[in-house]
Amino acid sequence: MKKLLLIVAAFLATAAFTGCASMADASAARGTGTVHVYDRPFDEVWDAVTAAVKETDLKIVSENKADGTLLAERTMTAFSWGEKVAIFVDRVTGKVSTRVEVVSKRALATNVTAPDWDKTLFKALDAKLGSQ
């Protein structure tokens, strides 16, 4: 019993010192995510992004097409404390290309089993739009 209490105490201490990610953290991390550029118009890419997210376990929390921002999350599962994902879709100036950035944050930084959603989402987008 003491061993179990020590393990729980160690976990809680780790969680307290490493912190938890929020949607604000994911949004604020713009410029640090994985980026792909698609030679497709913005509207087509936006539609593909929203469809790709809906095909996953992520739930769309907010989307703003005018700003090119989509926020999604997955709640706690057996293997993860959850994840927060920010997707930024931007027109490329002077071209008919669209830039997509995916920032994936673990709800708990020490959760090593949480997926990196950028890989999953870009695989889906590449299938829908053609690889970059």
C-alpha atoms as a PDB file:
ATOM      1  CA  MET A   1       0.000   0.000   0.000  1.00  0.00           C
ATOM      2  CA  LYS A   2       2.855   2.391   0.800  1.00  0.00           C
ATOM      3  CA  LYS A   3       4.405   1.676  -2.572  1.00  0.00           C
ATOM      4  CA  LEU A   4       1.154   2.547  -4.332  1.00  0.00           C
ATOM      5  CA  LEU A   5       0.836   5.790  -2.374  1.00  0.00           C
ATOM      6  CA  LEU A   6       4.400   6.731  -3.289  1.00  0.00           C
ATOM      7  CA  ILE A   7       3.712   6.101  -6.967  1.00  0.00           C
ATOM      8  CA  VAL A   8       0.536   8.203  -6.876  1.00  0.00           C
ATOM      9  CA  ALA A   9       2.332  10.983  -4.966  1.00  0.00           C
ATOM     10  CA  ALA A  10       5.196  10.967  -7.472  1.00  0.00           C
ATOM     11  CA  PHE A  11       2.754  11.168 -10.380  1.00  0.00           C
ATOM     12  CA  LEU A  12       0.841  14.064  -8.833  1.00  0.00           C
ATOM     13  CA  ALA A  13       4.057  15.925  -8.072  1.00  0.00           C
ATOM     14  CA  THR A  14       5.236  15.442 -11.653  1.00  0.00           C
ATOM     15  CA  ALA A  15       1.908  16.688 -12.986  1.00  0.00           C
ATOM     16  CA  ALA A  16       2.060  19.743 -10.741  1.00  0.00           C
ATOM     17  CA  PHE A  17       5.556  20.704 -11.892  1.00  0.00           C
ATOM     18  CA  THR A  18       5.149  19.957 -15.588  1.00  0.00           C
ATOM     19  CA  GLY A  19       1.757  21.620 -15.953  1.00  0.00           C
ATOM     20  CA  CYS A  20      -1.119  20.960 -18.250  1.00  0.00           C
ATOM     21  CA  ALA A  21      -1.664  22.313 -21.742  1.00  0.00           C
ATOM     22  CA  SER A  22      -4.767  24.333 -22.524  1.00  0.00           C
ATOM     23  CA  MET A  23      -6.350  25.507 -25.747  1.00  0.00           C
ATOM     24  CA  ALA A  24      -4.722  28.882 -25.132  1.00  0.00           C
ATOM     25  CA  ASP A  25      -1.323  27.154 -25.000  1.00  0.00           C
ATOM     26  CA  ALA A  26      -1.965  25.428 -28.321  1.00  0.00           C
ATOM     27  CA  SER A  27      -3.099  28.688 -29.936  1.00  0.00           C
ATOM     28  CA  ALA A  28      -0.154  30.607 -28.534  1.00  0.00           C
ATOM     29  CA  ALA A  29       2.255  28.060 -30.012  1.00  0.00           C
ATOM     30  CA  ARG A  30       1.571  29.300 -33.546  1.00  0.00           C
ATOM     31  CA  GLY A  31       4.809  29.199 -35.493  1.00  0.00           C
ATOM     32  CA  THR A  32       6.139  26.144 -33.650  1.00  0.00           C
ATOM     33  CA  GLY A  33       4.085  23.414 -35.334  1.00  0.00           C
ATOM     34  CA  THR A  34       4.543  21.222 -38.377  1.00  0.00           C
ATOM     35  CA  VAL A  35       3.823  22.991 -41.680  1.00  0.00           C
ATOM     36  CA  HIS A  36       2.759  21.723 -45.090  1.00  0.00           C
ATOM     37  CA  VAL A  37       1.955  23.888 -48.108  1.00  0.00           C
ATOM     38  CA  TYR A  38      -0.656  22.691 -50.582  1.00  0.00           C
ATOM     39  CA  ASP A  39      -0.973  23.999 -54.146  1.00  0.00           C
ATOM     40  CA  ARG A  40      -4.703  24.378 -53.663  1.00  0.00           C
ATOM     41  CA  PRO A  41      -7.005  27.330 -52.993  1.00  0.00           C
ATOM     42  CA  PHE A  42      -7.739  28.292 -49.396  1.00  0.00           C
ATOM     43  CA  ASP A  43     -11.409  27.246 -49.469  1.00  0.00           C
ATOM     44  CA  GLU A  44     -10.590  23.758 -50.731  1.00  0.00           C
ATOM     45  CA  VAL A  45      -7.888  23.292 -48.094  1.00  0.00           C
ATOM     46  CA  TRP A  46     -10.126  24.634 -45.312  1.00  0.00           C
ATOM     47  CA  ASP A  47     -12.848  22.148 -46.242  1.00  0.00           C
ATOM     48  CA  ALA A  48     -10.296  19.312 -46.292  1.00  0.00           C
ATOM     49  CA  VAL A  49      -8.938  20.343 -42.884  1.00  0.00           C
ATOM     50  CA  THR A  50     -12.364  20.356 -41.246  1.00  0.00           C
ATOM     51  CA  ALA A  51     -13.231  17.019 -42.863  1.00  0.00           C
ATOM     52  CA  ALA A  52      -9.916  15.477 -41.751  1.00  0.00           C
ATOM     53  CA  VAL A  53     -10.461  16.578 -38.149  1.00  0.00           C
ATOM     54  CA  LYS A  54     -14.021  15.188 -38.159  1.00  0.00           C
ATOM     55  CA  GLU A  55     -12.661  11.806 -39.298  1.00  0.00           C
ATOM     56  CA  THR A  56     -10.515  11.522 -36.150  1.00  0.00           C
ATOM     57  CA  ASP A  57     -11.231  11.234 -32.432  1.00  0.00           C
ATOM     58  CA  LEU A  58     -10.754  14.990 -32.132  1.00  0.00           C
ATOM     59  CA  LYS A  59     -13.709  17.228 -31.330  1.00  0.00           C
ATOM     60  CA  ILE A  60     -13.791  20.672 -32.910  1.00  0.00           C
ATOM     61  CA  VAL A  61     -13.953  23.267 -30.132  1.00  0.00           C
ATOM     62  CA  SER A  62     -13.979  26.335 -32.373  1.00  0.00           C
ATOM     63  CA  GLU A  63     -13.398  27.222 -35.983  1.00  0.00           C
ATOM     64  CA  ASN A  64     -12.997  30.590 -37.612  1.00  0.00           C
ATOM     65  CA  LYS A  65     -12.585  30.389 -41.363  1.00  0.00           C
ATOM     66  CA  ALA A  66     -12.049  34.151 -41.664  1.00  0.00           C
ATOM     67  CA  ASP A  67      -9.019  33.884 -39.351  1.00  0.00           C
ATOM     68  CA  GLY A  68      -8.016  30.453 -40.659  1.00  0.00           C
ATOM     69  CA  THR A  69      -8.001  28.993 -37.152  1.00  0.00           C
ATOM     70  CA  LEU A  70      -9.465  25.680 -36.027  1.00  0.00           C
ATOM     71  CA  LEU A  71      -9.126  24.408 -32.456  1.00  0.00           C
ATOM     72  CA  ALA A  72      -9.815  20.794 -31.536  1.00  0.00           C
ATOM     73  CA  GLU A  73      -9.291  18.498 -28.591  1.00  0.00           C
ATOM     74  CA  ARG A  74      -9.474  14.912 -27.525  1.00  0.00           C
ATOM     75  CA  THR A  75     -10.512  14.128 -24.001  1.00  0.00           C
ATOM     76  CA  MET A  76      -8.872  11.605 -21.709  1.00  0.00           C
ATOM     77  CA  THR A  77      -8.593   8.009 -22.949  1.00  0.00           C
ATOM     78  CA  ALA A  78      -7.089   4.840 -21.531  1.00  0.00           C
ATOM     79  CA  PHE A  79      -3.721   5.865 -23.007  1.00  0.00           C
ATOM     80  CA  SER A  80      -3.756   9.646 -22.765  1.00  0.00           C
ATOM     81  CA  TRP A  81      -4.820  12.529 -20.545  1.00  0.00           C
ATOM     82  CA  GLY A  82      -6.042  14.235 -23.708  1.00  0.00           C
ATOM     83  CA  GLU A  83      -4.644  16.544 -26.345  1.00  0.00           C
ATOM     84  CA  LYS A  84      -5.211  20.094 -27.577  1.00  0.00           C
ATOM     85  CA  VAL A  85      -4.692  20.838 -31.270  1.00  0.00           C
ATOM     86  CA  ALA A  86      -4.535  24.187 -33.047  1.00  0.00           C
ATOM     87  CA  ILE A  87      -4.622  24.260 -36.840  1.00  0.00           C
ATOM     88  CA  PHE A  88      -3.753  27.415 -38.740  1.00  0.00           C
ATOM     89  CA  VAL A  89      -4.704  27.712 -42.420  1.00  0.00           C
ATOM     90  CA  ASP A  90      -3.222  30.676 -44.313  1.00  0.00           C
ATOM     91  CA  ARG A  91      -3.250  31.863 -47.908  1.00  0.00           C
ATOM     92  CA  VAL A  92       0.212  32.097 -49.458  1.00  0.00           C
ATOM     93  CA  THR A  93       0.645  35.616 -50.836  1.00  0.00           C
ATOM     94  CA  GLY A  94       1.006  35.815 -54.593  1.00  0.00           C
ATOM     95  CA  LYS A  95       0.217  32.132 -55.179  1.00  0.00           C
ATOM     96  CA  VAL A  96      -2.743  29.800 -55.308  1.00  0.00           C
ATOM     97  CA  SER A  97      -1.245  27.884 -52.401  1.00  0.00           C
ATOM     98  CA  THR A  98      -2.349  27.396 -48.830  1.00  0.00           C
ATOM     99  CA  ARG A  99      -0.152  26.890 -45.786  1.00  0.00           C
ATOM    100  CA  VAL A 100      -1.358  24.582 -43.004  1.00  0.00           C
ATOM    101  CA  GLU A 101       0.285  24.468 -39.582  1.00  0.00           C
ATOM    102  CA  VAL A 102      -0.685  21.913 -36.943  1.00  0.00           C
ATOM    103  CA  VAL A 103       0.283  22.431 -33.300  1.00  0.00           C
ATOM    104  CA  SER A 104      -0.409  19.408 -31.111  1.00  0.00           C
ATOM    105  CA  LYS A 105      -0.106  19.727 -27.326  1.00  0.00           C
ATOM    106  CA  ARG A 106      -0.494  16.997 -24.752  1.00  0.00           C
ATOM    107  CA  ALA A 107      -2.869  17.920 -21.943  1.00  0.00           C
ATOM    108  CA  LEU A 108      -0.230  16.582 -19.560  1.00  0.00           C
ATOM    109  CA  ALA A 109       3.356  17.140 -20.700  1.00  0.00           C
ATOM    110  CA  THR A 110       4.635  13.864 -19.230  1.00  0.00           C
ATOM    111  CA  ASN A 111       2.094  11.791 -21.162  1.00  0.00           C
ATOM    112  CA  VAL A 112       4.353   9.990 -23.624  1.00  0.00           C
ATOM    113  CA  THR A 113       1.570   7.833 -25.072  1.00  0.00           C
ATOM    114  CA  ALA A 114      -0.454  10.771 -26.428  1.00  0.00           C
ATOM    115  CA  PRO A 115      -0.396  10.920 -30.239  1.00  0.00           C
ATOM    116  CA  ASP A 116       1.100  13.774 -32.223  1.00  0.00           C
ATOM    117  CA  TRP A 117      -1.909  14.787 -34.262  1.00  0.00           C
ATOM    118  CA  ASP A 118       0.138  16.524 -36.938  1.00  0.00           C
ATOM    119  CA  LYS A 119       1.136  13.184 -38.469  1.00  0.00           C
ATOM    120  CA  THR A 120      -2.428  11.858 -38.508  1.00  0.00           C
ATOM    121  CA  LEU A 121      -3.921  15.065 -39.880  1.00  0.00           C
ATOM    122  CA  PHE A 122      -1.289  15.620 -42.567  1.00  0.00           C
ATOM    123  CA  LYS A 123      -1.629  12.014 -43.724  1.00  0.00           C
ATOM    124  CA  ALA A 124      -5.369  12.617 -44.171  1.00  0.00           C
ATOM    125  CA  LEU A 125      -4.792  15.978 -45.859  1.00  0.00           C
ATOM    126  CA  ASP A 126      -2.189  14.523 -48.223  1.00  0.00           C
ATOM    127  CA  ALA A 127      -4.725  11.851 -49.229  1.00  0.00           C
ATOM    128  CA  LYS A 128      -7.423  14.467 -49.817  1.00  0.00           C
ATOM    129  CA  LEU A 129      -5.305  17.160 -51.490  1.00  0.00           C
ATOM    130  CA  GLY A 130      -2.235  15.376 -52.797  1.00  0.00           C
ATOM    131  CA  SER A 131       1.087  15.505 -50.999  1.00  0.00           C
ATOM    132  CA  GLN A 132       2.935  18.768 -50.780  1.00  0.00           C
END
